[in-house]
Amino acid sequence: MKITIRRYRTSDRAFLVDCMNGMQRHIASIDALKKTRPVSQFSVERWVDLILKKIKKYKGAIFIAEGNGKSAGCVVGIIKESTKIDLIDLFPFRDGRIIELFVDPSFRGEGIGSLLLRSMEGFFRKQGCKTAELGTFATNVRAYEFYKKHAYADRNIDMCKKL
């Protein structure tokens, strides 16, 4: 199957909404603490509006994967710049952060996630970023292994305890 990766267009909004619904459904299903809203209680339209605002504010990008004439997946990334507060304990930085990556279940196993990831990393490089970062639920073992396969490594580990 021929896969193409391209920049997001406003006409892709409905697909982005579908992707974020799929992402929310998956995350809610693996959230052991049940803090994540199920799709029935999630305002996907507001979430997509927030993503689009972040892209504009943080000079980010969205890439869409297409296969067989259908949208197959998306990746959303932003640019993080060091602030005055960051500079107290960190050296100046410009980093890319992937905030969403989703591949439609019917297209999984075709290498689309890898293509999306590499496209966003290329965007980050062109923006002068020295690192790319992302986060995933500890229980999302499949995603964790996917990112490790692409040379991502643990840096910070957040831990949580139910009270």
Protein backbone atom coordinates (compact mmCIF):
# COMPACT_ATOMS: atom_id res chain seq x y z
CA MET A 1 0.00 0.00 0.00
CA LYS A 2 1.30 3.47 -0.89
CA ILE A 3 1.31 5.78 2.12
CA THR A 4 1.75 9.53 1.83
CA ILE A 5 2.36 11.94 4.69
CA ARG A 6 1.27 15.56 4.33
CA ARG A 7 0.58 18.64 6.44
CA TYR A 8 -2.81 19.10 8.04
CA ARG A 9 -5.45 21.10 6.14
CA THR A 10 -8.58 22.62 7.62
CA SER A 11 -10.57 20.08 5.57
CA ASP A 12 -8.95 17.34 7.75
CA ARG A 13 -10.75 18.46 10.90
CA ALA A 14 -13.35 15.66 10.82
CA PHE A 15 -10.56 13.08 10.54
CA LEU A 16 -8.64 14.73 13.39
CA VAL A 17 -11.82 14.53 15.49
CA ASP A 18 -12.10 10.81 14.66
CA CYS A 19 -8.44 10.27 15.61
CA MET A 20 -8.83 12.03 18.96
CA ASN A 21 -11.99 10.04 19.72
CA GLY A 22 -10.07 6.84 18.97
CA MET A 23 -7.19 7.99 21.13
CA GLN A 24 -9.50 8.88 24.03
CA ARG A 25 -11.32 5.55 23.74
CA HIS A 26 -8.02 3.67 23.94
CA ILE A 27 -6.53 5.72 26.79
CA ALA A 28 -9.75 5.47 28.84
CA SER A 29 -9.74 1.69 28.35
CA ILE A 30 -6.20 1.27 29.77
CA ASP A 31 -6.39 3.86 32.56
CA ALA A 32 -6.27 1.73 35.71
CA LEU A 33 -7.18 4.73 37.91
CA LYS A 34 -10.15 5.62 35.69
CA LYS A 35 -9.19 9.31 35.65
CA THR A 36 -9.57 9.56 31.86
CA ARG A 37 -13.04 10.44 30.61
CA PRO A 38 -14.78 7.86 28.45
CA VAL A 39 -15.67 9.07 24.95
CA SER A 40 -19.32 9.52 26.03
CA GLN A 41 -18.16 12.19 28.54
CA PHE A 42 -15.37 13.71 26.41
CA SER A 43 -15.74 16.89 24.37
CA VAL A 44 -13.66 15.94 21.36
CA GLU A 45 -14.53 19.19 19.54
CA ARG A 46 -13.13 21.24 22.42
CA TRP A 47 -10.05 19.00 22.52
CA VAL A 48 -9.40 19.51 18.81
CA ASP A 49 -9.88 23.27 19.23
CA LEU A 50 -7.28 23.18 22.01
CA ILE A 51 -4.85 21.19 19.84
CA LEU A 52 -5.20 23.68 16.99
CA LYS A 53 -4.58 26.58 19.41
CA LYS A 54 -1.46 24.84 20.76
CA ILE A 55 -0.15 24.30 17.23
CA LYS A 56 -0.50 27.99 16.50
CA LYS A 57 0.85 29.21 19.87
CA TYR A 58 3.82 26.84 19.98
CA LYS A 59 4.66 26.87 16.24
CA GLY A 60 3.84 23.20 15.85
CA ALA A 61 2.52 21.01 13.09
CA ILE A 62 0.07 18.23 12.35
CA PHE A 63 0.83 15.57 9.76
CA ILE A 64 -1.78 13.31 8.19
CA ALA A 65 -1.05 9.85 6.76
CA GLU A 66 -3.09 8.71 3.78
CA GLY A 67 -3.29 5.22 2.33
CA ASN A 68 -5.51 3.98 -0.48
CA GLY A 69 -7.08 7.44 -0.68
CA LYS A 70 -8.18 7.36 2.97
CA SER A 71 -6.84 9.15 6.03
CA ALA A 72 -4.97 6.56 8.09
CA GLY A 73 -3.35 8.40 11.01
CA CYS A 74 -2.05 11.65 12.42
CA VAL A 75 0.70 13.08 14.57
CA VAL A 76 0.63 16.40 16.45
CA GLY A 77 3.78 18.14 17.65
CA ILE A 78 4.72 21.45 19.24
CA ILE A 79 7.96 23.36 19.84
CA LYS A 80 8.98 23.98 23.46
CA GLU A 81 11.32 26.89 24.16
CA SER A 82 13.10 27.45 27.46
CA THR A 83 11.58 30.11 29.71
CA LYS A 84 13.32 32.34 32.27
CA ILE A 85 12.19 29.95 34.99
CA ASP A 86 13.60 26.95 33.06
CA LEU A 87 16.96 28.69 32.84
CA ILE A 88 17.37 28.56 36.63
CA ASP A 89 18.26 24.87 36.47
CA LEU A 90 18.47 24.03 32.75
CA PHE A 91 20.55 25.14 29.82
CA PRO A 92 18.62 26.99 27.09
CA PHE A 93 16.67 24.58 24.91
CA ARG A 94 14.38 24.27 21.93
CA ASP A 95 12.72 20.85 21.94
CA GLY A 96 10.00 19.19 19.95
CA ARG A 97 7.18 17.49 21.81
CA ILE A 98 4.82 15.00 20.24
CA ILE A 99 1.50 15.46 21.96
CA GLU A 100 -0.61 13.02 19.93
CA LEU A 101 0.09 10.11 17.59
CA PHE A 102 -2.73 7.91 16.36
CA VAL A 103 -3.10 5.32 13.61
CA ASP A 104 -6.55 4.06 12.63
CA PRO A 105 -6.82 0.42 13.81
CA SER A 106 -7.59 -0.77 10.27
CA PHE A 107 -4.20 0.59 9.13
CA ARG A 108 -2.02 -0.63 11.99
CA GLY A 109 0.94 -2.85 11.20
CA GLU A 110 1.63 -1.04 7.89
CA GLY A 111 4.46 1.17 9.20
CA ILE A 112 2.30 4.29 9.28
CA GLY A 113 3.18 5.15 12.88
CA SER A 114 6.88 5.05 11.97
CA LEU A 115 6.33 7.31 8.96
CA LEU A 116 4.36 9.80 11.04
CA LEU A 117 7.00 9.77 13.78
CA ARG A 118 9.85 10.34 11.31
CA SER A 119 7.90 13.14 9.60
CA MET A 120 7.45 14.98 12.89
CA GLU A 121 11.09 14.43 13.85
CA GLY A 122 12.11 15.93 10.49
CA PHE A 123 9.89 18.94 11.18
CA PHE A 124 11.50 19.35 14.59
CA ARG A 125 15.00 19.23 13.09
CA LYS A 126 14.08 21.93 10.56
CA GLN A 127 12.85 24.08 13.46
CA GLY A 128 16.23 23.76 15.20
CA CYS A 129 15.12 21.33 17.90
CA LYS A 130 17.85 19.22 19.49
CA THR A 131 15.54 16.61 21.01
CA ALA A 132 12.08 15.15 20.50
CA GLU A 133 10.08 14.07 23.50
CA LEU A 134 6.72 12.46 24.17
CA GLY A 135 4.80 10.72 26.88
CA THR A 136 2.75 7.55 27.09
CA PHE A 137 0.81 5.73 29.79
CA ALA A 138 2.90 3.12 31.58
CA THR A 139 0.16 0.57 30.84
CA ASN A 140 0.31 1.35 27.11
CA VAL A 141 3.00 -1.29 26.61
CA ARG A 142 2.54 -1.50 22.84
CA ALA A 143 3.12 2.25 22.40
CA TYR A 144 6.05 2.18 24.83
CA GLU A 145 7.76 -0.61 22.88
CA PHE A 146 7.06 1.21 19.59
CA TYR A 147 8.80 4.36 20.87
CA LYS A 148 11.73 2.39 22.28
CA LYS A 149 12.14 0.74 18.85
CA HIS A 150 12.51 4.26 17.45
CA ALA A 151 15.32 5.11 19.94
CA TYR A 152 13.23 6.99 22.51
CA ALA A 153 14.48 6.41 26.04
CA ASP A 154 13.11 6.99 29.53
CA ARG A 155 14.11 10.35 30.97
CA ASN A 156 11.49 11.23 33.59
CA ILE A 157 9.18 8.76 35.24
CA ASP A 158 5.98 10.02 36.84
CA MET A 159 4.49 7.77 39.45
CA CYS A 160 1.00 7.72 40.91
CA LYS A 161 -0.69 6.08 43.87
CA LYS A 162 -4.41 5.68 44.41
CA LEU A 163 -5.44 6.97 47.83
